[in-house]
Amino acid sequence: MEFNYDYGTHQWVLSIMVGFFLSKVITTLSKHVSNQKKTTFYLPYYLQMFMAFIYFIFVWYGYSPTMSIASEGKRLTFLLMIISDLIPVFFFQLVLADDEDLQKEHVDLEKVYFRNIKIWPVLAVVYFLVTSTNEYILRDVMPDSLMIKNSLNKVIIFTPIFISIYLAMMFSRNKKWHTYSGIFMCICYIGVILGY
């Protein structure tokens, strides 16, 4: 059996993942809006939803096309790229209210937000290690790529910053801290998109 490690195959799979995820975000948000009286508002939860939306714009239009083309025909880097696309989907599935939450008489978004917070740093570490490793392996294939040039900087600078933020979020229940860190993360992703 021959596997197709090419851009078209990956975009086909990624379009299903992104479509599924965005439909979940839109459905969840519409249920929160239509059931405002039954939903306890929590700003950090909505910031995570917004960050998820921004992240998937980044993946769909920036990261995935660049890395898919560079990874064509290379099994290890293609596998790492697929893993790096799946981790955020898993992360945001943990963050968003699930169907069981949405069926409840009252949805407390703060409880939903904090329910799986202890796994966030683990996913962040794995994500940054996988993407940085992939970018490092591909440095000779795409030496002009801003993403690849900055892969070592990402490991040295961004990974500790984001992991520190997630660790602080994990052990703190301070709403202001979660709000500010959510805003910071959204600004970082918007910056990455605008800097592409």
Protein backbone atom coordinates (compact mmCIF):
# COMPACT_ATOMS: atom_id res chain seq x y z
CA MET A 1 0.00 0.00 0.00
CA GLU A 2 1.28 3.44 -0.86
CA PHE A 3 0.54 6.48 1.29
CA ASN A 4 0.15 9.97 -0.13
CA TYR A 5 2.15 12.42 1.94
CA ASP A 6 1.15 15.44 -0.07
CA TYR A 7 -0.44 18.85 0.41
CA GLY A 8 -3.75 17.92 -1.24
CA THR A 9 -4.29 14.89 0.98
CA HIS A 10 -3.50 16.82 4.12
CA GLN A 11 -5.72 19.76 3.17
CA TRP A 12 -8.58 17.36 2.58
CA VAL A 13 -8.16 15.88 6.09
CA LEU A 14 -7.54 19.29 7.63
CA SER A 15 -10.66 20.76 5.99
CA ILE A 16 -12.75 18.08 7.70
CA MET A 17 -11.10 18.81 11.07
CA VAL A 18 -11.44 22.58 10.72
CA GLY A 19 -15.02 22.30 9.45
CA PHE A 20 -15.99 20.03 12.33
CA PHE A 21 -14.32 22.28 14.86
CA LEU A 22 -15.73 25.55 13.50
CA SER A 23 -19.23 24.08 13.38
CA LYS A 24 -18.82 23.11 17.05
CA VAL A 25 -17.63 26.62 17.95
CA ILE A 26 -20.53 28.24 16.08
CA THR A 27 -23.11 25.80 17.50
CA THR A 28 -21.78 26.25 21.04
CA LEU A 29 -21.71 30.03 20.74
CA SER A 30 -25.23 30.16 19.28
CA LYS A 31 -26.55 28.01 22.15
CA HIS A 32 -24.89 30.32 24.67
CA VAL A 33 -26.38 33.39 22.98
CA SER A 34 -29.86 31.92 22.59
CA ASN A 35 -29.89 30.66 26.20
CA GLN A 36 -28.36 33.70 27.90
CA LYS A 37 -30.60 33.40 30.95
CA LYS A 38 -29.51 29.79 31.45
CA THR A 39 -25.80 30.53 30.91
CA THR A 40 -23.40 32.08 33.41
CA PHE A 41 -21.10 34.39 31.43
CA TYR A 42 -17.34 33.91 31.87
CA LEU A 43 -15.07 36.11 29.73
CA PRO A 44 -11.97 33.83 29.72
CA TYR A 45 -14.13 31.06 28.24
CA TYR A 46 -15.17 33.31 25.34
CA LEU A 47 -11.56 34.46 24.88
CA GLN A 48 -10.56 30.81 24.49
CA MET A 49 -13.26 30.42 21.83
CA PHE A 50 -11.94 33.49 20.03
CA MET A 51 -8.36 32.22 20.31
CA ALA A 52 -9.47 28.90 18.81
CA PHE A 53 -11.04 30.71 15.87
CA ILE A 54 -7.88 32.80 15.30
CA TYR A 55 -5.69 29.72 15.63
CA PHE A 56 -7.59 27.85 12.95
CA ILE A 57 -7.29 30.81 10.57
CA PHE A 58 -3.54 30.63 11.20
CA VAL A 59 -3.44 26.86 10.57
CA TRP A 60 -5.66 26.93 7.49
CA TYR A 61 -4.05 29.88 5.70
CA GLY A 62 -0.50 29.94 7.08
CA TYR A 63 1.00 27.04 8.91
CA SER A 64 -0.57 24.11 7.11
CA PRO A 65 0.12 25.18 3.49
CA THR A 66 3.73 26.10 4.31
CA MET A 67 4.47 22.93 6.26
CA SER A 68 2.47 20.61 3.98
CA ILE A 69 4.38 21.66 0.90
CA ALA A 70 7.73 21.36 2.73
CA SER A 71 6.74 17.96 4.16
CA GLU A 72 5.56 16.34 0.92
CA GLY A 73 7.01 12.85 0.61
CA LYS A 74 8.65 12.93 4.05
CA ARG A 75 6.90 10.53 6.41
CA LEU A 76 8.26 11.82 9.73
CA THR A 77 7.65 15.52 9.10
CA PHE A 78 4.26 14.80 7.58
CA LEU A 79 3.28 12.77 10.66
CA LEU A 80 4.53 15.53 12.97
CA MET A 81 2.50 18.06 10.99
CA ILE A 82 -0.67 15.97 11.35
CA ILE A 83 -0.05 15.61 15.09
CA SER A 84 0.50 19.37 15.38
CA ASP A 85 -2.89 19.91 13.72
CA LEU A 86 -4.69 17.41 15.97
CA ILE A 87 -3.39 18.69 19.33
CA PRO A 88 -5.18 22.09 19.14
CA VAL A 89 -8.42 20.36 18.08
CA PHE A 90 -8.15 18.16 21.15
CA PHE A 91 -7.26 21.18 23.32
CA PHE A 92 -10.24 23.23 22.20
CA GLN A 93 -12.58 20.24 22.50
CA LEU A 94 -11.58 20.18 26.17
CA VAL A 95 -12.13 23.93 26.55
CA LEU A 96 -15.57 24.22 24.95
CA ALA A 97 -18.80 23.15 26.57
CA ASP A 98 -19.73 19.69 25.37
CA ASP A 99 -23.20 18.48 24.39
CA GLU A 100 -23.89 17.27 27.92
CA ASP A 101 -23.11 20.74 29.31
CA LEU A 102 -25.33 22.40 26.72
CA GLN A 103 -28.29 20.16 27.64
CA LYS A 104 -28.20 21.16 31.32
CA GLU A 105 -30.80 23.48 32.81
CA HIS A 106 -28.03 25.96 33.70
CA VAL A 107 -24.55 26.15 32.13
CA ASP A 108 -21.82 27.64 34.30
CA LEU A 109 -19.07 28.56 31.83
CA GLU A 110 -16.55 29.10 34.62
CA LYS A 111 -16.94 25.44 35.66
CA VAL A 112 -16.66 24.34 32.04
CA TYR A 113 -13.54 26.47 31.61
CA PHE A 114 -11.78 25.04 34.69
CA ARG A 115 -12.93 21.45 34.26
CA ASN A 116 -9.98 20.26 32.13
CA ILE A 117 -7.46 23.01 32.80
CA LYS A 118 -4.82 20.68 34.25
CA ILE A 119 -4.15 19.09 30.86
CA TRP A 120 -3.52 22.43 29.11
CA PRO A 121 0.22 22.73 29.98
CA VAL A 122 0.85 19.15 28.85
CA LEU A 123 -0.79 19.81 25.50
CA ALA A 124 1.10 23.11 25.16
CA VAL A 125 4.45 21.40 25.79
CA VAL A 126 3.72 18.60 23.33
CA TYR A 127 2.43 21.05 20.72
CA PHE A 128 5.42 23.37 20.85
CA LEU A 129 7.90 20.47 20.88
CA VAL A 130 6.23 18.78 17.90
CA THR A 131 5.96 21.95 15.79
CA SER A 132 9.46 23.13 16.67
CA THR A 133 10.95 19.72 15.91
CA ASN A 134 9.18 19.64 12.57
CA GLU A 135 10.31 23.13 11.68
CA TYR A 136 13.87 22.30 12.71
CA ILE A 137 13.90 19.17 10.53
CA LEU A 138 12.60 21.20 7.56
CA ARG A 139 15.08 24.08 7.96
CA ASP A 140 17.09 22.94 4.91
CA VAL A 141 14.01 22.41 2.73
CA MET A 142 12.56 25.89 3.31
CA PRO A 143 15.41 28.10 4.55
CA ASP A 144 13.56 31.31 3.59
CA SER A 145 10.47 30.51 5.63
CA LEU A 146 10.01 32.91 8.53
CA MET A 147 8.45 30.07 10.48
CA ILE A 148 11.47 27.83 10.00
CA LYS A 149 13.99 30.60 10.67
CA ASN A 150 12.27 31.27 13.97
CA SER A 151 11.81 27.65 15.10
CA LEU A 152 14.77 27.81 17.50
CA ASN A 153 13.54 31.17 18.84
CA LYS A 154 10.12 29.60 19.32
CA VAL A 155 11.57 26.81 21.42
CA ILE A 156 13.79 29.14 23.45
CA ILE A 157 11.40 32.07 23.91
CA PHE A 158 7.76 31.23 23.21
CA THR A 159 7.55 27.73 24.62
CA PRO A 160 8.57 28.79 28.16
CA ILE A 161 6.33 31.88 27.98
CA PHE A 162 3.22 29.96 26.88
CA ILE A 163 3.90 27.07 29.24
CA SER A 164 4.37 29.52 32.13
CA ILE A 165 1.07 31.17 31.25
CA TYR A 166 -0.71 27.81 31.12
CA LEU A 167 0.88 26.69 34.41
CA ALA A 168 -0.16 29.93 36.09
CA MET A 169 -3.65 29.51 34.67
CA MET A 170 -3.75 25.95 35.95
CA PHE A 171 -3.04 26.92 39.56
CA SER A 172 -4.84 30.27 39.68
CA ARG A 173 -8.58 30.87 39.67
CA ASN A 174 -8.18 34.63 39.45
CA LYS A 175 -10.59 35.85 36.76
CA LYS A 176 -8.42 38.89 35.91
CA TRP A 177 -5.34 36.70 35.36
CA HIS A 178 -7.30 34.36 33.08
CA THR A 179 -8.79 37.31 31.21
CA TYR A 180 -5.44 39.06 30.70
CA SER A 181 -3.66 35.88 29.68
CA GLY A 182 -6.52 35.06 27.26
CA ILE A 183 -6.21 38.52 25.71
CA PHE A 184 -2.43 38.09 25.51
CA MET A 185 -2.77 34.72 23.75
CA CYS A 186 -5.30 36.17 21.27
CA ILE A 187 -2.96 39.09 20.52
CA CYS A 188 -0.05 36.66 20.00
CA TYR A 189 -2.02 34.60 17.48
CA ILE A 190 -3.25 37.73 15.68
CA GLY A 191 0.38 38.92 15.60
CA VAL A 192 1.49 35.64 14.08
CA ILE A 193 -1.20 35.95 11.39
CA LEU A 194 -0.35 39.57 10.59
CA GLY A 195 3.36 38.81 10.62
CA TYR A 196 3.03 36.09 8.04
